[in-house]
Amino acid sequence: MTDVEMQRAVVEALDRNRLVHADEISVEVSDGDVALRGTVGSILQEWEATSSASSVPGIRSLDNQLQVRLMGTEGHADADTEAAVLDALATAQLLEGAEVDVEVRDGTVTLRGGVELASRREEVARVAHGVPGVARVVNRLDVWLELSSEYVVDRLRDAILGLDRIAVRVDENDVTLTGTVSSREHHDVVLAAASSTPGVAAVHDDLTVRSTAA
């Protein structure tokens, strides 16, 4: 069973349980490992949800990240929106390697936790804002990896030759390279080295190729 098939099977198992509000629960599957996220209205619903999910054949492990909160009608609507935001982030593969907590109150989504890149932080907020039912997004995500020009220069040290004169400017997770390199081939090597530097979201090429030929 593929991850997509297993995700569908778990959602169907939740939907068959009349004590569970399946639309309030986000189901994420990776290599057979299942995670349940969202907010439910009682400990009984939490237990029923984990029990239903565990009954699906082929699951390697079940990570119960459900939160229990007593809810009225508005609370259930917020729980639906919370699950929809989590599903949208999972579909966009924005939860991989990140720790994102989603809280919804009266249509306002608050994002907490941490992501690796500043660009990822903004992308998470953009996707969340596009979910139906979301009126406002409060982005309190932290960025784990902050870049500096010194860090990028150090990563480029092995790619820079003696005749190269390269300057690095960093704007959050975007890097701009200026200066001169001695050949088109070496220009490509420097760009590749900058692009592969951890934390770099984009590289802007303002380099000039200077031929060493007479």
N, C-alpha and C. Protein backbone atom coordinates (compact mmCIF):
# COMPACT_ATOMS: atom_id res chain seq x y z
N MET A 1 0.84 -1.20 0.00
CA MET A 1 0.00 0.00 0.00
C MET A 1 0.88 1.25 0.00
N THR A 2 0.62 2.15 -0.95
CA THR A 2 1.39 3.39 -1.00
C THR A 2 0.96 4.34 0.12
N ASP A 3 1.75 5.38 0.33
CA ASP A 3 1.40 6.36 1.36
C ASP A 3 0.07 7.04 1.05
N VAL A 4 -0.17 7.32 -0.23
CA VAL A 4 -1.43 7.97 -0.62
C VAL A 4 -2.61 7.04 -0.33
N GLU A 5 -2.46 5.76 -0.66
CA GLU A 5 -3.52 4.79 -0.40
C GLU A 5 -3.76 4.63 1.10
N MET A 6 -2.66 4.61 1.87
CA MET A 6 -2.82 4.47 3.31
C MET A 6 -3.47 5.70 3.92
N GLN A 7 -3.10 6.88 3.44
CA GLN A 7 -3.72 8.10 3.94
C GLN A 7 -5.23 8.08 3.68
N ARG A 8 -5.59 7.62 2.49
CA ARG A 8 -7.01 7.53 2.15
C ARG A 8 -7.72 6.50 3.03
N ALA A 9 -7.06 5.38 3.29
CA ALA A 9 -7.65 4.33 4.12
C ALA A 9 -7.87 4.80 5.56
N VAL A 10 -6.90 5.57 6.09
CA VAL A 10 -7.04 6.08 7.47
C VAL A 10 -8.18 7.09 7.54
N VAL A 11 -8.26 7.98 6.55
CA VAL A 11 -9.35 8.97 6.53
C VAL A 11 -10.71 8.26 6.47
N GLU A 12 -10.79 7.22 5.66
CA GLU A 12 -12.05 6.47 5.56
C GLU A 12 -12.39 5.78 6.88
N ALA A 13 -11.36 5.25 7.57
CA ALA A 13 -11.59 4.60 8.86
C ALA A 13 -12.10 5.61 9.89
N LEU A 14 -11.54 6.80 9.88
CA LEU A 14 -12.01 7.86 10.79
C LEU A 14 -13.44 8.26 10.46
N ASP A 15 -13.72 8.34 9.16
CA ASP A 15 -15.05 8.77 8.73
C ASP A 15 -16.13 7.76 9.09
N ARG A 16 -15.76 6.47 9.17
CA ARG A 16 -16.74 5.44 9.52
C ARG A 16 -17.09 5.45 11.00
N ASN A 17 -16.25 6.05 11.84
CA ASN A 17 -16.49 6.08 13.28
C ASN A 17 -17.39 7.28 13.60
N ARG A 18 -18.62 7.00 14.03
CA ARG A 18 -19.60 8.06 14.26
C ARG A 18 -19.22 8.95 15.45
N LEU A 19 -18.28 8.51 16.28
CA LEU A 19 -17.86 9.32 17.42
C LEU A 19 -16.71 10.27 17.07
N VAL A 20 -16.24 10.17 15.83
CA VAL A 20 -15.09 10.99 15.39
C VAL A 20 -15.56 11.99 14.34
N HIS A 21 -15.08 13.24 14.47
CA HIS A 21 -15.30 14.24 13.42
C HIS A 21 -14.08 14.21 12.51
N ALA A 22 -14.16 13.41 11.45
CA ALA A 22 -13.00 13.18 10.59
C ALA A 22 -12.49 14.46 9.95
N ASP A 23 -13.38 15.43 9.69
CA ASP A 23 -12.94 16.66 9.03
C ASP A 23 -12.16 17.58 9.97
N GLU A 24 -12.07 17.21 11.25
CA GLU A 24 -11.27 18.00 12.20
C GLU A 24 -9.86 17.42 12.38
N ILE A 25 -9.56 16.35 11.64
CA ILE A 25 -8.29 15.64 11.84
C ILE A 25 -7.51 15.62 10.54
N SER A 26 -6.24 16.01 10.61
CA SER A 26 -5.33 15.92 9.47
C SER A 26 -4.53 14.63 9.58
N VAL A 27 -4.47 13.89 8.48
CA VAL A 27 -3.74 12.62 8.44
C VAL A 27 -2.54 12.76 7.53
N GLU A 28 -1.35 12.53 8.08
CA GLU A 28 -0.12 12.59 7.29
C GLU A 28 0.53 11.21 7.32
N VAL A 29 1.02 10.75 6.16
CA VAL A 29 1.64 9.44 6.05
C VAL A 29 2.98 9.58 5.36
N SER A 30 4.01 8.97 5.94
CA SER A 30 5.35 8.96 5.34
C SER A 30 5.97 7.59 5.56
N ASP A 31 6.16 6.86 4.47
CA ASP A 31 6.75 5.51 4.54
C ASP A 31 6.03 4.61 5.52
N GLY A 32 4.71 4.71 5.56
CA GLY A 32 3.92 3.86 6.43
C GLY A 32 3.74 4.36 7.84
N ASP A 33 4.42 5.45 8.19
CA ASP A 33 4.26 6.07 9.51
C ASP A 33 3.14 7.11 9.43
N VAL A 34 2.16 6.99 10.31
CA VAL A 34 0.99 7.84 10.26
C VAL A 34 1.01 8.83 11.42
N ALA A 35 0.70 10.10 11.14
CA ALA A 35 0.59 11.13 12.16
C ALA A 35 -0.81 11.73 12.10
N LEU A 36 -1.46 11.82 13.25
CA LEU A 36 -2.76 12.48 13.35
C LEU A 36 -2.56 13.83 14.01
N ARG A 37 -3.05 14.90 13.36
CA ARG A 37 -2.91 16.23 13.91
C ARG A 37 -4.24 16.95 13.82
N GLY A 38 -4.44 17.88 14.74
CA GLY A 38 -5.68 18.64 14.79
C GLY A 38 -6.19 18.75 16.21
N THR A 39 -7.41 19.23 16.35
CA THR A 39 -8.02 19.43 17.67
C THR A 39 -9.35 18.69 17.71
N VAL A 40 -9.54 17.92 18.79
CA VAL A 40 -10.80 17.19 18.97
C VAL A 40 -11.46 17.68 20.26
N GLY A 41 -12.76 17.36 20.39
CA GLY A 41 -13.54 17.95 21.48
C GLY A 41 -13.53 17.19 22.78
N SER A 42 -12.95 15.99 22.83
CA SER A 42 -12.96 15.23 24.08
C SER A 42 -11.89 14.15 24.04
N ILE A 43 -11.54 13.64 25.22
CA ILE A 43 -10.59 12.53 25.32
C ILE A 43 -11.14 11.30 24.63
N LEU A 44 -12.47 11.11 24.71
CA LEU A 44 -13.10 9.96 24.04
C LEU A 44 -12.88 10.04 22.54
N GLN A 45 -13.06 11.23 21.95
CA GLN A 45 -12.85 11.38 20.51
C GLN A 45 -11.39 11.11 20.15
N GLU A 46 -10.47 11.56 20.99
CA GLU A 46 -9.06 11.30 20.74
C GLU A 46 -8.80 9.79 20.73
N TRP A 47 -9.34 9.08 21.71
CA TRP A 47 -9.15 7.64 21.81
C TRP A 47 -9.77 6.93 20.61
N GLU A 48 -10.99 7.34 20.24
CA GLU A 48 -11.67 6.70 19.11
C GLU A 48 -10.90 6.95 17.81
N ALA A 49 -10.35 8.14 17.66
CA ALA A 49 -9.61 8.46 16.44
C ALA A 49 -8.35 7.60 16.33
N THR A 50 -7.60 7.49 17.42
CA THR A 50 -6.38 6.67 17.37
C THR A 50 -6.71 5.20 17.19
N SER A 51 -7.81 4.75 17.78
CA SER A 51 -8.23 3.36 17.64
C SER A 51 -8.62 3.06 16.20
N SER A 52 -9.38 3.95 15.58
CA SER A 52 -9.80 3.75 14.19
C SER A 52 -8.61 3.76 13.25
N ALA A 53 -7.69 4.71 13.46
CA ALA A 53 -6.52 4.79 12.59
C ALA A 53 -5.65 3.55 12.74
N SER A 54 -5.49 3.08 13.98
CA SER A 54 -4.64 1.91 14.24
C SER A 54 -5.18 0.64 13.61
N SER A 55 -6.48 0.62 13.31
CA SER A 55 -7.09 -0.58 12.75
C SER A 55 -6.76 -0.78 11.27
N VAL A 56 -6.18 0.23 10.62
CA VAL A 56 -5.87 0.12 9.20
C VAL A 56 -4.65 -0.78 9.01
N PRO A 57 -4.74 -1.82 8.21
CA PRO A 57 -3.60 -2.73 8.01
C PRO A 57 -2.42 -2.03 7.34
N GLY A 58 -1.22 -2.42 7.73
CA GLY A 58 -0.02 -1.93 7.08
C GLY A 58 0.65 -0.75 7.74
N ILE A 59 0.02 -0.17 8.77
CA ILE A 59 0.62 0.98 9.45
C ILE A 59 1.84 0.53 10.26
N ARG A 60 2.96 1.22 10.05
CA ARG A 60 4.17 0.89 10.82
C ARG A 60 4.13 1.50 12.21
N SER A 61 3.71 2.75 12.28
CA SER A 61 3.62 3.42 13.58
C SER A 61 2.56 4.50 13.50
N LEU A 62 2.03 4.88 14.67
CA LEU A 62 1.01 5.93 14.74
C LEU A 62 1.45 6.98 15.73
N ASP A 63 1.59 8.21 15.24
CA ASP A 63 2.01 9.34 16.07
C ASP A 63 0.77 10.19 16.36
N ASN A 64 0.30 10.13 17.59
CA ASN A 64 -0.89 10.88 17.98
C ASN A 64 -0.50 12.27 18.45
N GLN A 65 -0.73 13.27 17.59
CA GLN A 65 -0.45 14.66 17.94
C GLN A 65 -1.74 15.45 18.13
N LEU A 66 -2.85 14.75 18.34
CA LEU A 66 -4.13 15.42 18.53
C LEU A 66 -4.16 16.20 19.84
N GLN A 67 -4.78 17.34 19.80
CA GLN A 67 -4.99 18.14 21.01
C GLN A 67 -6.46 18.08 21.39
N VAL A 68 -6.71 18.02 22.68
CA VAL A 68 -8.08 17.93 23.18
C VAL A 68 -8.49 19.29 23.74
N ARG A 69 -9.63 19.81 23.23
CA ARG A 69 -10.15 21.08 23.73
C ARG A 69 -11.67 21.05 23.63
N LEU A 70 -12.33 21.33 24.74
CA LEU A 70 -13.79 21.40 24.71
C LEU A 70 -14.24 22.49 23.76
N MET A 71 -15.20 22.17 22.89
CA MET A 71 -15.57 23.11 21.84
C MET A 71 -17.07 23.23 21.70
N GLY A 72 -17.53 24.45 21.41
CA GLY A 72 -18.91 24.66 21.00
C GLY A 72 -18.96 24.66 19.49
N THR A 73 -20.02 25.24 18.93
CA THR A 73 -20.19 25.25 17.48
C THR A 73 -19.06 25.98 16.78
N GLU A 74 -18.67 27.17 17.31
CA GLU A 74 -17.59 27.92 16.69
C GLU A 74 -16.27 27.17 16.81
N GLY A 75 -16.08 26.48 17.92
CA GLY A 75 -14.85 25.71 18.11
C GLY A 75 -14.72 24.60 17.09
N HIS A 76 -15.82 23.93 16.76
CA HIS A 76 -15.79 22.88 15.76
C HIS A 76 -15.45 23.46 14.38
N ALA A 77 -15.98 24.65 14.09
CA ALA A 77 -15.65 25.29 12.81
C ALA A 77 -14.16 25.62 12.74
N ASP A 78 -13.59 26.11 13.85
CA ASP A 78 -12.17 26.39 13.88
C ASP A 78 -11.35 25.11 13.74
N ALA A 79 -11.82 24.01 14.35
CA ALA A 79 -11.11 22.73 14.25
C ALA A 79 -11.11 22.24 12.81
N ASP A 80 -12.23 22.43 12.10
CA ASP A 80 -12.28 22.07 10.69
C ASP A 80 -11.24 22.86 9.90
N THR A 81 -11.17 24.17 10.17
CA THR A 81 -10.22 25.03 9.45
C THR A 81 -8.79 24.64 9.79
N GLU A 82 -8.53 24.32 11.05
CA GLU A 82 -7.18 23.92 11.47
C GLU A 82 -6.73 22.68 10.70
N ALA A 83 -7.61 21.68 10.61
CA ALA A 83 -7.28 20.46 9.88
C ALA A 83 -7.06 20.75 8.40
N ALA A 84 -7.87 21.67 7.85
CA ALA A 84 -7.72 22.02 6.44
C ALA A 84 -6.38 22.70 6.18
N VAL A 85 -5.94 23.57 7.11
CA VAL A 85 -4.64 24.23 6.97
C VAL A 85 -3.51 23.20 7.03
N LEU A 86 -3.58 22.28 7.99
CA LEU A 86 -2.56 21.24 8.12
C LEU A 86 -2.51 20.37 6.86
N ASP A 87 -3.68 20.03 6.33
CA ASP A 87 -3.72 19.23 5.11
C ASP A 87 -3.09 19.99 3.93
N ALA A 88 -3.38 21.29 3.84
CA ALA A 88 -2.82 22.09 2.76
C ALA A 88 -1.30 22.20 2.87
N LEU A 89 -0.79 22.35 4.08
CA LEU A 89 0.66 22.43 4.28
C LEU A 89 1.32 21.09 3.98
N ALA A 90 0.66 20.00 4.36
CA ALA A 90 1.21 18.67 4.07
C ALA A 90 1.23 18.40 2.58
N THR A 91 0.16 18.78 1.88
CA THR A 91 0.09 18.59 0.44
C THR A 91 1.17 19.38 -0.28
N ALA A 92 1.47 20.58 0.22
CA ALA A 92 2.52 21.42 -0.37
C ALA A 92 3.91 21.02 0.12
N GLN A 93 4.00 19.96 0.91
CA GLN A 93 5.26 19.43 1.45
C GLN A 93 6.02 20.50 2.24
N LEU A 94 5.26 21.30 2.99
CA LEU A 94 5.88 22.35 3.80
C LEU A 94 6.08 21.92 5.25
N LEU A 95 5.62 20.72 5.62
CA LEU A 95 5.80 20.25 6.99
C LEU A 95 7.03 19.37 7.13
N GLU A 96 7.63 18.98 6.01
CA GLU A 96 8.81 18.12 6.05
C GLU A 96 10.01 18.90 6.59
N GLY A 97 10.64 18.38 7.62
CA GLY A 97 11.79 19.04 8.21
C GLY A 97 11.45 20.30 8.97
N ALA A 98 10.18 20.49 9.29
CA ALA A 98 9.75 21.69 10.01
C ALA A 98 8.92 21.29 11.23
N GLU A 99 8.80 22.21 12.14
CA GLU A 99 7.93 22.01 13.31
C GLU A 99 6.92 23.15 13.32
N VAL A 100 5.75 22.88 12.75
CA VAL A 100 4.74 23.92 12.59
C VAL A 100 3.51 23.56 13.40
N ASP A 101 3.15 24.44 14.33
CA ASP A 101 1.92 24.28 15.10
C ASP A 101 0.90 25.28 14.58
N VAL A 102 -0.32 24.80 14.38
CA VAL A 102 -1.40 25.64 13.84
C VAL A 102 -2.50 25.76 14.87
N GLU A 103 -2.88 26.99 15.16
CA GLU A 103 -4.00 27.24 16.07
C GLU A 103 -4.98 28.19 15.38
N VAL A 104 -6.27 27.85 15.43
CA VAL A 104 -7.29 28.67 14.77
C VAL A 104 -8.31 29.13 15.79
N ARG A 105 -8.55 30.42 15.85
CA ARG A 105 -9.59 30.99 16.69
C ARG A 105 -10.36 32.03 15.89
N ASP A 106 -11.67 31.78 15.72
CA ASP A 106 -12.54 32.71 14.99
C ASP A 106 -11.98 33.08 13.62
N GLY A 107 -11.43 32.09 12.94
CA GLY A 107 -10.93 32.31 11.59
C GLY A 107 -9.52 32.86 11.51
N THR A 108 -8.91 33.20 12.65
CA THR A 108 -7.53 33.69 12.67
C THR A 108 -6.58 32.52 12.92
N VAL A 109 -5.65 32.32 12.01
CA VAL A 109 -4.67 31.23 12.11
C VAL A 109 -3.38 31.78 12.71
N THR A 110 -2.91 31.15 13.77
CA THR A 110 -1.62 31.51 14.37
C THR A 110 -0.65 30.36 14.12
N LEU A 111 0.48 30.69 13.50
CA LEU A 111 1.52 29.71 13.19
C LEU A 111 2.66 29.85 14.18
N ARG A 112 3.03 28.75 14.81
CA ARG A 112 4.16 28.75 15.75
C ARG A 112 5.08 27.59 15.41
N GLY A 113 6.33 27.68 15.88
CA GLY A 113 7.29 26.62 15.65
C GLY A 113 8.48 27.15 14.90
N GLY A 114 9.08 26.30 14.07
CA GLY A 114 10.28 26.73 13.36
C GLY A 114 10.42 26.06 12.01
N VAL A 115 11.04 26.79 11.06
CA VAL A 115 11.35 26.28 9.73
C VAL A 115 12.80 26.61 9.43
N GLU A 116 13.36 25.94 8.42
CA GLU A 116 14.78 26.10 8.13
C GLU A 116 15.09 27.41 7.43
N LEU A 117 14.20 27.83 6.51
CA LEU A 117 14.50 28.98 5.66
C LEU A 117 13.47 30.09 5.84
N ALA A 118 13.92 31.33 5.63
CA ALA A 118 12.99 32.46 5.67
C ALA A 118 11.95 32.35 4.56
N SER A 119 12.38 31.85 3.40
CA SER A 119 11.43 31.69 2.29
C SER A 119 10.37 30.67 2.63
N ARG A 120 10.74 29.62 3.37
CA ARG A 120 9.76 28.61 3.79
C ARG A 120 8.76 29.22 4.78
N ARG A 121 9.24 30.09 5.64
CA ARG A 121 8.36 30.76 6.61
C ARG A 121 7.25 31.52 5.89
N GLU A 122 7.62 32.26 4.84
CA GLU A 122 6.63 33.04 4.11
C GLU A 122 5.71 32.14 3.29
N GLU A 123 6.25 31.04 2.77
CA GLU A 123 5.44 30.13 1.97
C GLU A 123 4.38 29.44 2.83
N VAL A 124 4.75 29.06 4.06
CA VAL A 124 3.77 28.45 4.97
C VAL A 124 2.62 29.41 5.23
N ALA A 125 2.94 30.67 5.48
CA ALA A 125 1.89 31.67 5.74
C ALA A 125 1.01 31.87 4.51
N ARG A 126 1.62 31.88 3.32
CA ARG A 126 0.85 32.08 2.09
C ARG A 126 -0.14 30.94 1.86
N VAL A 127 0.33 29.70 2.04
CA VAL A 127 -0.54 28.55 1.84
C VAL A 127 -1.67 28.55 2.87
N ALA A 128 -1.34 28.87 4.12
CA ALA A 128 -2.36 28.90 5.17
C ALA A 128 -3.42 29.94 4.86
N HIS A 129 -3.00 31.09 4.34
CA HIS A 129 -3.96 32.17 4.07
C HIS A 129 -4.90 31.80 2.93
N GLY A 130 -4.48 30.87 2.06
CA GLY A 130 -5.31 30.49 0.94
C GLY A 130 -6.36 29.44 1.25
N VAL A 131 -6.40 28.95 2.49
CA VAL A 131 -7.37 27.92 2.87
C VAL A 131 -8.73 28.56 3.14
N PRO A 132 -9.81 28.01 2.58
CA PRO A 132 -11.15 28.56 2.85
C PRO A 132 -11.45 28.59 4.34
N GLY A 133 -12.03 29.68 4.80
CA GLY A 133 -12.34 29.84 6.22
C GLY A 133 -11.30 30.62 6.99
N VAL A 134 -10.12 30.84 6.38
CA VAL A 134 -9.06 31.60 7.04
C VAL A 134 -9.23 33.08 6.73
N ALA A 135 -9.41 33.89 7.76
CA ALA A 135 -9.59 35.33 7.58
C ALA A 135 -8.28 36.09 7.78
N ARG A 136 -7.39 35.54 8.61
CA ARG A 136 -6.16 36.27 8.96
C ARG A 136 -5.11 35.26 9.41
N VAL A 137 -3.84 35.54 9.10
CA VAL A 137 -2.74 34.67 9.50
C VAL A 137 -1.74 35.47 10.34
N VAL A 138 -1.46 34.98 11.54
CA VAL A 138 -0.44 35.57 12.40
C VAL A 138 0.77 34.64 12.35
N ASN A 139 1.84 35.11 11.72
CA ASN A 139 3.02 34.26 11.48
C ASN A 139 4.06 34.46 12.58
N ARG A 140 4.13 33.51 13.49
CA ARG A 140 5.12 33.57 14.57
C ARG A 140 6.16 32.46 14.44
N LEU A 141 6.35 31.99 13.23
CA LEU A 141 7.36 30.96 12.98
C LEU A 141 8.76 31.55 13.10
N ASP A 142 9.67 30.78 13.69
CA ASP A 142 11.08 31.16 13.76
C ASP A 142 11.83 30.52 12.60
N VAL A 143 12.92 31.15 12.18
CA VAL A 143 13.80 30.59 11.16
C VAL A 143 15.04 30.04 11.86
N TRP A 144 15.31 28.75 11.64
CA TRP A 144 16.43 28.12 12.34
C TRP A 144 17.79 28.54 11.81
N LEU A 145 17.88 28.70 10.49
CA LEU A 145 19.19 28.94 9.89
C LEU A 145 19.25 30.34 9.31
N GLU A 146 19.99 31.22 9.97
CA GLU A 146 20.18 32.59 9.49
C GLU A 146 21.52 32.67 8.78
N LEU A 147 21.51 33.20 7.56
CA LEU A 147 22.72 33.29 6.76
C LEU A 147 23.50 34.56 7.05
N SER A 148 24.81 34.49 6.83
CA SER A 148 25.67 35.68 6.86
C SER A 148 26.59 35.60 5.64
N SER A 149 27.07 36.76 5.20
CA SER A 149 27.98 36.76 4.04
C SER A 149 29.26 35.99 4.35
N GLU A 150 29.72 36.07 5.61
CA GLU A 150 30.94 35.36 5.99
C GLU A 150 30.75 33.85 5.87
N TYR A 151 29.56 33.38 6.26
CA TYR A 151 29.27 31.95 6.17
C TYR A 151 29.28 31.49 4.72
N VAL A 152 28.65 32.27 3.83
CA VAL A 152 28.59 31.88 2.42
C VAL A 152 29.99 31.93 1.80
N VAL A 153 30.77 32.97 2.09
CA VAL A 153 32.14 33.06 1.58
C VAL A 153 32.95 31.85 2.00
N ASP A 154 32.79 31.44 3.24
CA ASP A 154 33.53 30.28 3.73
C ASP A 154 33.14 29.02 2.96
N ARG A 155 31.85 28.88 2.63
CA ARG A 155 31.39 27.73 1.86
C ARG A 155 31.91 27.77 0.42
N LEU A 156 32.20 28.99 -0.10
CA LEU A 156 32.68 29.14 -1.47
C LEU A 156 34.20 29.07 -1.58
N ARG A 157 34.88 28.98 -0.44
CA ARG A 157 36.33 29.12 -0.45
C ARG A 157 37.02 28.17 -1.41
N ASP A 158 36.57 26.91 -1.45
CA ASP A 158 37.20 25.92 -2.32
C ASP A 158 36.88 26.15 -3.79
N ALA A 159 35.81 26.91 -4.07
CA ALA A 159 35.42 27.15 -5.47
C ALA A 159 36.06 28.40 -6.04
N ILE A 160 36.62 29.27 -5.19
CA ILE A 160 37.19 30.54 -5.64
C ILE A 160 38.67 30.35 -5.97
N LEU A 161 39.08 30.71 -7.20
CA LEU A 161 40.48 30.62 -7.62
C LEU A 161 41.19 31.95 -7.37
N GLY A 162 42.51 31.93 -7.53
CA GLY A 162 43.32 33.09 -7.21
C GLY A 162 42.96 34.34 -7.98
N LEU A 163 42.53 34.18 -9.25
CA LEU A 163 42.22 35.35 -10.07
C LEU A 163 40.80 35.84 -9.88
N ASP A 164 40.01 35.12 -9.13
CA ASP A 164 38.62 35.53 -8.92
C ASP A 164 38.53 36.62 -7.85
N ARG A 165 37.62 37.55 -8.09
CA ARG A 165 37.36 38.59 -7.10
C ARG A 165 35.84 38.64 -6.90
N ILE A 166 35.38 37.97 -5.86
CA ILE A 166 33.95 37.78 -5.66
C ILE A 166 33.52 38.38 -4.33
N ALA A 167 32.42 39.13 -4.37
CA ALA A 167 31.81 39.66 -3.15
C ALA A 167 30.44 39.02 -2.98
N VAL A 168 30.05 38.85 -1.73
CA VAL A 168 28.79 38.19 -1.40
C VAL A 168 27.92 39.14 -0.58
N ARG A 169 26.67 39.29 -1.01
CA ARG A 169 25.70 40.06 -0.24
C ARG A 169 24.52 39.16 0.11
N VAL A 170 24.11 39.19 1.37
CA VAL A 170 23.04 38.32 1.85
C VAL A 170 21.85 39.16 2.29
N ASP A 171 20.68 38.81 1.79
CA ASP A 171 19.43 39.43 2.20
C ASP A 171 18.51 38.31 2.65
N GLU A 172 18.41 38.10 3.98
CA GLU A 172 17.71 36.97 4.56
C GLU A 172 18.32 35.68 4.00
N ASN A 173 17.59 34.93 3.15
CA ASN A 173 18.13 33.69 2.61
C ASN A 173 18.43 33.79 1.12
N ASP A 174 18.46 35.02 0.59
CA ASP A 174 18.86 35.25 -0.79
C ASP A 174 20.30 35.75 -0.83
N VAL A 175 21.07 35.23 -1.80
CA VAL A 175 22.48 35.58 -1.93
C VAL A 175 22.72 36.23 -3.28
N THR A 176 23.44 37.36 -3.29
CA THR A 176 23.84 38.02 -4.53
C THR A 176 25.35 37.96 -4.65
N LEU A 177 25.84 37.47 -5.80
CA LEU A 177 27.27 37.37 -6.06
C LEU A 177 27.67 38.45 -7.05
N THR A 178 28.67 39.25 -6.70
CA THR A 178 29.20 40.27 -7.60
C THR A 178 30.70 40.09 -7.73
N GLY A 179 31.30 40.75 -8.75
CA GLY A 179 32.73 40.65 -8.96
C GLY A 179 33.04 39.95 -10.26
N THR A 180 34.26 39.39 -10.37
CA THR A 180 34.71 38.79 -11.61
C THR A 180 35.25 37.38 -11.38
N VAL A 181 35.08 36.54 -12.40
CA VAL A 181 35.67 35.20 -12.42
C VAL A 181 36.43 35.04 -13.74
N SER A 182 37.31 34.07 -13.77
CA SER A 182 38.24 33.97 -14.90
C SER A 182 37.72 33.19 -16.10
N SER A 183 36.61 32.46 -15.96
CA SER A 183 36.09 31.70 -17.10
C SER A 183 34.62 31.39 -16.89
N ARG A 184 33.94 31.06 -18.00
CA ARG A 184 32.53 30.69 -17.92
C ARG A 184 32.37 29.41 -17.11
N GLU A 185 33.30 28.48 -17.27
CA GLU A 185 33.22 27.23 -16.51
C GLU A 185 33.32 27.48 -15.01
N HIS A 186 34.22 28.37 -14.66
CA HIS A 186 34.38 28.64 -13.23
C HIS A 186 33.22 29.45 -12.68
N HIS A 187 32.63 30.29 -13.53
CA HIS A 187 31.42 31.02 -13.16
C HIS A 187 30.34 30.03 -12.74
N ASP A 188 30.18 28.94 -13.54
CA ASP A 188 29.15 27.94 -13.23
C ASP A 188 29.46 27.19 -11.95
N VAL A 189 30.75 26.92 -11.70
CA VAL A 189 31.15 26.22 -10.47
C VAL A 189 30.82 27.06 -9.24
N VAL A 190 31.09 28.35 -9.30
CA VAL A 190 30.82 29.23 -8.17
C VAL A 190 29.32 29.33 -7.90
N LEU A 191 28.52 29.46 -8.97
CA LEU A 191 27.07 29.52 -8.80
C LEU A 191 26.53 28.23 -8.19
N ALA A 192 27.05 27.09 -8.65
CA ALA A 192 26.60 25.81 -8.12
C ALA A 192 26.96 25.68 -6.65
N ALA A 193 28.15 26.15 -6.27
CA ALA A 193 28.57 26.07 -4.87
C ALA A 193 27.69 26.95 -3.99
N ALA A 194 27.35 28.13 -4.48
CA ALA A 194 26.47 29.02 -3.71
C ALA A 194 25.07 28.43 -3.57
N SER A 195 24.56 27.87 -4.66
CA SER A 195 23.20 27.32 -4.64
C SER A 195 23.08 26.13 -3.69
N SER A 196 24.16 25.37 -3.54
CA SER A 196 24.13 24.18 -2.69
C SER A 196 24.44 24.47 -1.23
N THR A 197 24.69 25.73 -0.89
CA THR A 197 24.98 26.10 0.49
C THR A 197 23.73 25.97 1.34
N PRO A 198 23.79 25.24 2.45
CA PRO A 198 22.60 25.09 3.30
C PRO A 198 22.04 26.44 3.73
N GLY A 199 20.74 26.61 3.58
CA GLY A 199 20.09 27.85 3.98
C GLY A 199 19.87 28.84 2.86
N VAL A 200 20.52 28.64 1.71
CA VAL A 200 20.38 29.56 0.59
C VAL A 200 19.11 29.23 -0.18
N ALA A 201 18.22 30.20 -0.30
CA ALA A 201 16.97 29.98 -1.02
C ALA A 201 17.10 30.37 -2.49
N ALA A 202 17.87 31.42 -2.79
CA ALA A 202 18.02 31.87 -4.18
C ALA A 202 19.38 32.53 -4.33
N VAL A 203 19.96 32.41 -5.52
CA VAL A 203 21.25 33.03 -5.84
C VAL A 203 21.06 33.98 -7.02
N HIS A 204 21.45 35.23 -6.84
CA HIS A 204 21.35 36.24 -7.90
C HIS A 204 22.75 36.46 -8.48
N ASP A 205 22.85 36.28 -9.77
CA ASP A 205 24.14 36.27 -10.46
C ASP A 205 24.44 37.64 -11.07
N ASP A 206 25.36 38.38 -10.42
CA ASP A 206 25.86 39.64 -10.97
C ASP A 206 27.36 39.54 -11.27
N LEU A 207 27.82 38.31 -11.51
CA LEU A 207 29.24 38.09 -11.78
C LEU A 207 29.59 38.45 -13.23
N THR A 208 30.82 38.89 -13.42
CA THR A 208 31.35 39.17 -14.76
C THR A 208 32.45 38.16 -15.07
N VAL A 209 32.41 37.59 -16.26
CA VAL A 209 33.45 36.65 -16.69
C VAL A 209 34.55 37.44 -17.39
N ARG A 210 35.77 37.35 -16.86
CA ARG A 210 36.91 38.05 -17.42
C ARG A 210 37.87 37.04 -18.00
N SER A 211 38.09 37.10 -19.30
CA SER A 211 38.99 36.16 -19.94
C SER A 211 40.43 36.51 -19.60
N THR A 212 41.23 35.45 -19.37
CA THR A 212 42.65 35.65 -19.07
C THR A 212 43.49 35.62 -20.31
N ALA A 213 42.85 35.42 -21.48
CA ALA A 213 43.61 35.37 -22.74
C ALA A 213 44.14 36.76 -23.09
N ALA A 214 45.23 36.79 -23.76
CA ALA A 214 45.84 38.06 -24.15
C ALA A 214 45.00 38.74 -25.22
